[in-house]
Amino acid sequence: MPPRPVVPADDLYARLEVAADASFETIEIAWRALLKRHHPDIAGVEALDLAKRINVAHDWLSDPGLRERYDQERVRRNGHHVRPSAAWRPSTVQPSRPVHRHVVDPATALRRFLDRVGRLNQDELDRLSVAETNSIAFVASIHRFLTPERQAAVDAVEAQVRARLRPTDWAQAPIRDAILAAAHELVLGGFLDDNLAEPSRGRARDRLMRGWEAAIDQPRYGPNTRIVRRFLERVSNLGEAGLTTMVRASGRARIPADPWPRGLDPEEDDGLRVSSALAGRDAVAAAEAELARLDRTPARRADRLLRRTAHAFVLRHGFTAGEFAALIGPWRAATGDPGTGRGGDPMPGPVVRRR
C-alpha cells in the first residue's frame, strides 16, 4: 500500500483564490481559470512552478477525503477553526434527468425569461420569497474568473431584471436572488459548460434554476392548494381558545421536525418544500392577532403547530391515513376538522405514492 501523501504546508485556498467554504463547482472553475492564465505555454516557463502548485491545490481540494485531511491539518497549524460550509461537498442528489426540449438560442431564451419576469403574479412572487437562494453565492465566488465581457453581461442582465421588478420586490433578497440566479444560468451557461464536467455542470444548473423553477407556473400551495386555502380560512377564525386547545392537545414533548412522506424529499421536490414553507408562513400570519395574546411559550408552540399542520395539508397526498391523522391531531382537537380544512367532514382516503 503506497504511503499517505503529505499534507501541503501552504494555503491551498489562497492558491486557488477561493474562500475556505468554496463549493466543489467553485473549486473546479477556479482551477481551470487559473491554470489557463498561468500555464507555461501562455505565461512562459517561469510559470511552471506556479502551475504545479495550482494543480496540487486542485488535487487536494476537489477530493472530499483529502480536503477533510487538509482542513483538519490547517486548523491544527493555525490554532483556530473556521467552520467550512457543507456546500463544498459534491451533492449526493443527482441532477434532474435530462428533458428533451426544443433548442432555443441563448438570446431568445434570455428575452423570454426577462419577459416572464415582467409578468410575475403575486402567487409566484410569494413563492419566490421562500425560495432557496444559496446559489447566488456561487456566482459571486466565480465572478473574478469571468472575462470583462462576461462580467458586463452579468451586470447588464441584473439591471434588466431590476427594471422589470417593483422596487418593493427587488428589495426582498429571496425574490431578487432567486430570479438573478436563473438569469445567471442563462448568461453564463456557455462559460459553465466550458469549465464544468458532468455531473458538476448539472448540479450547478439545478442550483441556479432551483428557486425559479419551484415558483413559476405553480399553484400557490402546490397540488393541494384547494384544501390548504380552506385550512387557512379556518385558521383566521380559530381564535385564542382554539390555539390554546391545539397547544394543550400537543402535550409537553418537543415538537420534532416536520416529516416528509416516503418517496418525497425536500432536496428533490423543492416545489413542495416552497409550498409547505409558504403555507406555514400564511397560517401564522392568519393567526397573528391571536398569537400575540398568548404568553410567550404557548405562542411559540402554537406557531410551530400551525406550520406543522400546514405542512401536513400541503403534503396530504403523500402521507398514509395514520401519518396524516397524527400530524393534524392538535388541529382536529381544536376544530373537529378531519383533514379537509372544514369541520365535520368524513376523513378522505389518502393518495399515497409508493416506490
Protein backbone atom coordinates (compact mmCIF):
# COMPACT_ATOMS: atom_id res chain seq x y z
CA MET A 1 0.00 0.00 0.00
CA PRO A 2 1.51 3.38 -1.01
CA PRO A 3 2.20 5.85 1.82
CA ARG A 4 -0.38 8.56 2.51
CA PRO A 5 0.51 11.85 0.79
CA VAL A 6 1.97 14.57 2.99
CA VAL A 7 -0.46 17.41 3.65
CA PRO A 8 0.76 20.56 1.85
CA ALA A 9 2.02 23.32 4.12
CA ASP A 10 0.87 26.31 2.04
CA ASP A 11 -2.66 27.77 1.92
CA LEU A 12 -4.40 25.85 -0.85
CA TYR A 13 -7.48 28.06 -0.72
CA ALA A 14 -5.36 31.16 -1.25
CA ARG A 15 -3.56 29.35 -4.06
CA LEU A 16 -6.90 28.91 -5.88
CA GLU A 17 -8.13 32.36 -4.78
CA VAL A 18 -11.27 30.95 -3.17
CA ALA A 19 -12.81 31.00 0.30
CA ALA A 20 -12.45 28.11 2.74
CA ASP A 21 -16.14 27.25 2.28
CA ALA A 22 -15.95 27.21 -1.53
CA SER A 23 -18.25 24.75 -3.26
CA PHE A 24 -16.94 21.85 -5.34
CA GLU A 25 -18.02 23.66 -8.51
CA THR A 26 -16.20 26.86 -7.47
CA ILE A 27 -13.01 24.85 -6.92
CA GLU A 28 -13.28 23.39 -10.43
CA ILE A 29 -13.84 26.76 -12.09
CA ALA A 30 -11.04 28.45 -10.15
CA TRP A 31 -8.61 25.66 -11.05
CA ARG A 32 -9.40 25.79 -14.77
CA ALA A 33 -9.36 29.59 -14.93
CA LEU A 34 -6.05 29.94 -13.06
CA LEU A 35 -4.41 27.12 -14.96
CA LYS A 36 -5.32 28.76 -18.26
CA ARG A 37 -3.85 32.03 -17.01
CA HIS A 38 -0.64 30.55 -15.60
CA HIS A 39 0.01 27.63 -17.95
CA PRO A 40 3.67 27.66 -19.13
CA ASP A 41 2.51 27.69 -22.77
CA ILE A 42 0.85 31.05 -22.06
CA ALA A 43 2.81 32.63 -19.19
CA GLY A 44 6.23 31.17 -20.04
CA VAL A 45 8.46 28.58 -18.37
CA GLU A 46 8.83 30.69 -15.24
CA ALA A 47 5.14 29.94 -14.51
CA LEU A 48 5.73 26.17 -14.41
CA ASP A 49 6.16 26.01 -10.63
CA LEU A 50 3.01 28.07 -10.04
CA ALA A 51 1.02 25.86 -12.44
CA LYS A 52 2.16 22.80 -10.49
CA ARG A 53 1.05 24.38 -7.21
CA ILE A 54 -2.34 25.19 -8.70
CA ASN A 55 -2.71 21.54 -9.75
CA VAL A 56 -1.73 20.34 -6.28
CA ALA A 57 -4.30 22.64 -4.69
CA HIS A 58 -6.98 21.28 -7.01
CA ASP A 59 -5.99 17.66 -6.32
CA TRP A 60 -6.43 18.17 -2.58
CA LEU A 61 -9.48 20.43 -2.51
CA SER A 62 -11.53 18.58 -5.15
CA ASP A 63 -11.31 15.25 -3.30
CA PRO A 64 -13.63 15.12 -0.22
CA GLY A 65 -11.32 12.83 1.76
CA LEU A 66 -8.15 14.78 1.02
CA ARG A 67 -9.89 18.09 1.64
CA GLU A 68 -11.06 16.92 5.05
CA ARG A 69 -7.50 15.90 5.95
CA TYR A 70 -6.15 19.23 4.74
CA ASP A 71 -8.80 21.22 6.66
CA GLN A 72 -8.02 19.34 9.88
CA GLU A 73 -4.28 19.97 9.49
CA ARG A 74 -4.92 23.61 8.62
CA VAL A 75 -6.92 24.04 11.82
CA ARG A 76 -4.15 22.39 13.85
CA ARG A 77 -1.46 24.62 12.36
CA ASN A 78 -3.39 27.86 12.59
CA GLY A 79 -4.71 27.21 16.07
CA HIS A 80 -8.24 28.33 15.20
CA HIS A 81 -11.17 26.82 13.42
CA VAL A 82 -13.15 28.36 10.59
CA ARG A 83 -16.11 26.08 10.04
CA PRO A 84 -16.33 25.26 6.34
CA SER A 85 -19.71 25.19 4.68
CA ALA A 86 -21.22 21.84 3.79
CA ALA A 87 -21.78 23.32 0.33
CA TRP A 88 -18.29 22.33 -0.84
CA ARG A 89 -19.06 18.63 -0.75
CA PRO A 90 -20.30 17.20 -4.04
CA SER A 91 -24.06 16.85 -3.67
CA THR A 92 -25.50 13.37 -3.23
CA VAL A 93 -28.60 14.49 -5.11
CA GLN A 94 -28.21 13.75 -8.78
CA PRO A 95 -29.06 16.45 -11.33
CA SER A 96 -32.55 16.19 -12.71
CA ARG A 97 -32.99 13.79 -15.58
CA PRO A 98 -32.38 15.47 -18.94
CA VAL A 99 -35.54 16.57 -20.68
CA HIS A 100 -35.60 16.81 -24.46
CA ARG A 101 -36.66 20.35 -25.31
CA HIS A 102 -36.77 22.36 -28.47
CA VAL A 103 -33.38 24.08 -28.63
CA VAL A 104 -33.68 27.85 -28.25
CA ASP A 105 -30.75 30.16 -28.94
CA PRO A 106 -29.40 31.94 -25.81
CA ALA A 107 -30.56 35.42 -26.87
CA THR A 108 -34.15 34.22 -27.41
CA ALA A 109 -34.12 32.27 -24.13
CA LEU A 110 -32.93 35.35 -22.24
CA ARG A 111 -35.53 37.57 -23.90
CA ARG A 112 -38.34 35.16 -22.99
CA PHE A 113 -37.04 34.92 -19.42
CA LEU A 114 -36.97 38.71 -18.96
CA ASP A 115 -40.48 38.98 -20.41
CA ARG A 116 -41.65 36.35 -17.88
CA VAL A 117 -40.03 38.29 -15.03
CA GLY A 118 -42.14 41.27 -16.03
CA ARG A 119 -45.33 39.14 -15.84
CA LEU A 120 -44.85 37.53 -12.42
CA ASN A 121 -48.09 37.29 -10.47
CA GLN A 122 -48.41 37.66 -6.70
CA ASP A 123 -48.53 33.91 -6.02
CA GLU A 124 -45.27 33.45 -7.94
CA LEU A 125 -43.61 36.35 -6.13
CA ASP A 126 -44.70 34.92 -2.80
CA ARG A 127 -43.30 31.50 -3.75
CA LEU A 128 -40.03 33.16 -4.78
CA SER A 129 -39.94 34.87 -1.38
CA VAL A 130 -39.42 31.49 0.32
CA ALA A 131 -37.18 30.03 -2.38
CA GLU A 132 -33.69 28.73 -1.71
CA THR A 133 -31.15 31.45 -2.56
CA ASN A 134 -27.78 29.89 -1.65
CA SER A 135 -26.94 29.62 -5.34
CA ILE A 136 -26.37 33.38 -5.64
CA ALA A 137 -23.18 32.95 -3.59
CA PHE A 138 -21.85 30.57 -6.25
CA VAL A 139 -21.88 33.26 -8.92
CA ALA A 140 -20.26 35.73 -6.53
CA SER A 141 -17.49 33.18 -5.85
CA ILE A 142 -16.60 32.79 -9.54
CA HIS A 143 -17.06 36.43 -10.57
CA ARG A 144 -13.32 37.13 -10.50
CA PHE A 145 -12.70 34.36 -13.03
CA LEU A 146 -15.03 35.84 -15.67
CA THR A 147 -13.77 37.80 -18.64
CA PRO A 148 -14.68 41.52 -18.74
CA GLU A 149 -17.25 40.71 -21.45
CA ARG A 150 -18.96 38.09 -19.30
CA GLN A 151 -18.87 40.38 -16.25
CA ALA A 152 -20.54 43.06 -18.36
CA ALA A 153 -23.23 40.56 -19.44
CA VAL A 154 -23.91 39.67 -15.80
CA ASP A 155 -24.16 43.34 -14.83
CA ALA A 156 -26.48 44.03 -17.78
CA VAL A 157 -28.91 41.22 -17.01
CA GLU A 158 -29.04 42.24 -13.35
CA ALA A 159 -30.02 45.76 -14.43
CA GLN A 160 -32.67 44.37 -16.78
CA VAL A 161 -34.17 42.20 -14.04
CA ARG A 162 -34.28 45.15 -11.66
CA ALA A 163 -36.07 47.28 -14.24
CA ARG A 164 -38.83 44.66 -14.52
CA LEU A 165 -39.49 44.29 -10.79
CA ARG A 166 -41.28 46.66 -8.45
CA PRO A 167 -38.84 48.30 -6.01
CA THR A 168 -40.53 46.51 -3.10
CA ASP A 169 -40.00 43.11 -4.77
CA TRP A 170 -36.39 43.89 -5.74
CA ALA A 171 -35.73 44.85 -2.11
CA GLN A 172 -36.67 41.33 -0.94
CA ALA A 173 -33.44 39.34 -1.08
CA PRO A 174 -35.02 35.89 -1.65
CA ILE A 175 -37.10 37.13 -4.62
CA ARG A 176 -34.22 39.09 -6.11
CA ASP A 177 -31.63 36.36 -5.63
CA ALA A 178 -33.79 33.51 -6.95
CA ILE A 179 -34.51 35.45 -10.15
CA LEU A 180 -30.90 36.59 -10.57
CA ALA A 181 -29.64 33.04 -10.11
CA ALA A 182 -31.78 31.89 -13.05
CA ALA A 183 -30.62 34.90 -15.09
CA HIS A 184 -27.00 33.99 -14.34
CA GLU A 185 -27.58 30.46 -15.63
CA LEU A 186 -28.81 31.92 -18.92
CA VAL A 187 -25.94 34.38 -19.43
CA LEU A 188 -23.16 32.15 -18.04
CA GLY A 189 -24.34 28.85 -19.48
CA GLY A 190 -21.55 28.71 -22.07
CA PHE A 191 -18.88 29.55 -19.51
CA LEU A 192 -20.14 26.85 -17.13
CA ASP A 193 -20.33 24.33 -19.99
CA ASP A 194 -16.66 25.01 -20.76
CA ASN A 195 -15.43 24.82 -17.17
CA LEU A 196 -17.54 22.13 -15.51
CA ALA A 197 -17.85 18.48 -16.47
CA GLU A 198 -20.86 16.33 -15.59
CA PRO A 199 -22.27 15.77 -13.05
CA SER A 200 -20.94 19.08 -11.68
CA ARG A 201 -22.46 21.02 -14.57
CA GLY A 202 -25.89 19.51 -13.94
CA ARG A 203 -25.67 20.30 -10.24
CA ALA A 204 -24.69 23.90 -10.96
CA ARG A 205 -27.64 24.33 -13.31
CA ASP A 206 -30.05 22.79 -10.83
CA ARG A 207 -28.84 25.08 -8.04
CA LEU A 208 -29.10 28.21 -10.15
CA MET A 209 -32.56 27.38 -11.54
CA ARG A 210 -33.92 25.77 -8.36
CA GLY A 211 -35.74 28.77 -6.87
CA TRP A 212 -37.15 29.99 -10.20
CA GLU A 213 -38.44 26.59 -11.33
CA ALA A 214 -40.02 25.90 -7.91
CA ALA A 215 -42.01 29.15 -8.08
CA ILE A 216 -43.06 29.77 -11.68
CA ASP A 217 -46.33 28.42 -13.14
CA GLN A 218 -47.11 26.62 -9.86
CA PRO A 219 -50.29 26.72 -7.73
CA ARG A 220 -49.72 28.80 -4.62
CA TYR A 221 -49.68 25.81 -2.26
CA GLY A 222 -48.93 23.01 -4.70
CA PRO A 223 -51.30 20.18 -5.70
CA ASN A 224 -53.44 20.55 -2.55
CA THR A 225 -53.98 24.30 -2.87
CA ARG A 226 -57.77 24.00 -2.56
CA ILE A 227 -57.79 22.27 0.83
CA VAL A 228 -54.88 24.39 2.07
CA ARG A 229 -56.92 27.52 1.32
CA ARG A 230 -59.82 26.07 3.32
CA PHE A 231 -57.43 25.34 6.18
CA LEU A 232 -56.14 28.92 6.16
CA GLU A 233 -59.69 30.34 6.17
CA ARG A 234 -60.39 28.22 9.24
CA VAL A 235 -57.16 29.41 10.90
CA SER A 236 -58.25 33.03 10.56
CA ASN A 237 -61.36 32.20 12.65
CA LEU A 238 -59.62 29.88 15.11
CA GLY A 239 -59.39 32.39 17.93
CA GLU A 240 -57.32 32.38 21.07
CA ALA A 241 -59.31 29.48 22.55
CA GLY A 242 -58.66 27.32 19.50
CA LEU A 243 -54.93 27.97 19.64
CA THR A 244 -54.89 27.17 23.33
CA THR A 245 -56.68 23.86 22.65
CA MET A 246 -54.09 22.97 19.99
CA VAL A 247 -51.25 23.67 22.42
CA ARG A 248 -52.83 21.56 25.16
CA ALA A 249 -53.60 18.69 22.77
CA SER A 250 -49.96 18.58 21.64
CA GLY A 251 -48.71 17.70 25.12
CA ARG A 252 -45.41 18.91 26.51
CA ALA A 253 -42.89 16.98 24.43
CA ARG A 254 -40.71 18.85 21.96
CA ILE A 255 -42.33 19.09 18.54
CA PRO A 256 -40.00 17.27 16.12
CA ALA A 257 -39.01 18.42 12.66
CA ASP A 258 -41.73 18.16 10.05
CA PRO A 259 -41.58 14.70 8.43
CA TRP A 260 -41.67 14.04 4.71
CA PRO A 261 -43.62 11.12 3.23
CA ARG A 262 -41.72 8.19 1.83
CA GLY A 263 -40.94 8.82 -1.83
CA LEU A 264 -40.73 12.60 -1.38
CA ASP A 265 -37.68 14.63 -0.41
CA PRO A 266 -37.30 18.40 0.19
CA GLU A 267 -34.00 18.35 -1.72
CA GLU A 268 -35.51 16.76 -4.81
CA ASP A 269 -39.06 18.14 -4.54
CA ASP A 270 -38.25 21.79 -3.94
CA GLY A 271 -41.60 22.94 -5.32
CA LEU A 272 -43.34 21.11 -2.48
CA ARG A 273 -40.85 22.48 0.05
CA VAL A 274 -41.71 26.00 -1.15
CA SER A 275 -45.44 25.22 -0.91
CA SER A 276 -45.01 23.98 2.66
CA ALA A 277 -42.94 26.99 3.74
CA LEU A 278 -45.40 29.45 2.19
CA ALA A 279 -48.46 27.74 3.67
CA GLY A 280 -46.82 27.73 7.10
CA ARG A 281 -45.98 31.41 6.85
CA ASP A 282 -49.52 32.26 5.75
CA ALA A 283 -51.03 30.20 8.57
CA VAL A 284 -49.04 32.10 11.18
CA ALA A 285 -49.96 35.42 9.54
CA ALA A 286 -53.65 34.47 9.61
CA ALA A 287 -53.45 33.89 13.39
CA GLU A 288 -51.10 36.79 14.14
CA ALA A 289 -53.52 38.74 16.36
CA GLU A 290 -54.48 35.67 18.43
CA LEU A 291 -50.85 34.55 18.78
CA ALA A 292 -49.99 37.99 20.17
CA ARG A 293 -52.47 37.47 23.02
CA LEU A 294 -50.85 34.24 24.22
CA ASP A 295 -47.96 34.05 26.64
CA ARG A 296 -44.55 33.63 25.02
CA THR A 297 -44.13 29.86 25.42
CA PRO A 298 -47.66 28.86 24.30
CA ALA A 299 -47.41 31.35 21.42
CA ARG A 300 -44.19 29.80 20.17
CA ARG A 301 -45.69 26.33 20.42
CA ALA A 302 -48.87 27.41 18.63
CA ASP A 303 -46.77 28.98 15.86
CA ARG A 304 -44.90 25.70 15.44
CA LEU A 305 -48.13 23.66 15.42
CA LEU A 306 -49.71 25.88 12.76
CA ARG A 307 -46.69 25.48 10.50
CA ARG A 308 -46.66 21.72 11.08
CA THR A 309 -50.36 21.43 10.29
CA ALA A 310 -49.91 23.49 7.11
CA HIS A 311 -47.06 21.16 6.12
CA ALA A 312 -49.37 18.16 6.60
CA PHE A 313 -52.10 19.69 4.41
CA VAL A 314 -49.63 20.59 1.64
CA LEU A 315 -48.22 17.03 1.55
CA ARG A 316 -51.51 15.30 2.38
CA HIS A 317 -51.38 13.26 -0.84
CA GLY A 318 -48.13 11.60 0.25
CA PHE A 319 -48.89 10.60 3.85
CA THR A 320 -50.73 7.47 4.89
CA ALA A 321 -54.01 7.99 6.74
CA GLY A 322 -52.31 7.23 10.06
CA GLU A 323 -49.39 9.56 9.44
CA PHE A 324 -51.67 12.40 8.38
CA ALA A 325 -54.02 11.94 11.34
CA ALA A 326 -51.09 12.05 13.77
CA LEU A 327 -49.75 15.27 12.24
CA ILE A 328 -53.07 17.13 12.41
CA GLY A 329 -54.11 15.70 15.80
CA PRO A 330 -53.92 19.02 17.71
CA TRP A 331 -55.69 20.79 14.85
CA ARG A 332 -58.52 18.26 14.85
CA ALA A 333 -58.82 18.53 18.64
CA ALA A 334 -59.36 22.28 18.29
CA THR A 335 -61.62 22.31 15.22
CA GLY A 336 -63.09 18.86 14.62
CA ASP A 337 -61.62 19.06 11.12
CA PRO A 338 -60.52 15.59 9.95
CA GLY A 339 -58.33 16.86 7.16
CA THR A 340 -60.39 18.76 4.61
CA GLY A 341 -59.97 22.24 6.07
CA ARG A 342 -63.56 22.06 7.36
CA GLY A 343 -65.12 20.54 10.44
CA GLY A 344 -67.46 17.57 10.39
CA ASP A 345 -66.46 16.12 7.01
CA PRO A 346 -65.59 12.42 6.74
CA MET A 347 -61.90 11.59 6.61
CA PRO A 348 -60.90 11.21 2.95
CA GLY A 349 -58.82 8.26 1.84
CA PRO A 350 -55.18 9.21 1.24
CA VAL A 351 -53.48 9.10 -2.11
CA VAL A 352 -50.09 7.61 -1.37
CA ARG A 353 -47.17 7.36 -3.75
CA ARG A 354 -45.07 4.30 -3.10
CA ARG A 355 -41.88 3.10 -4.71
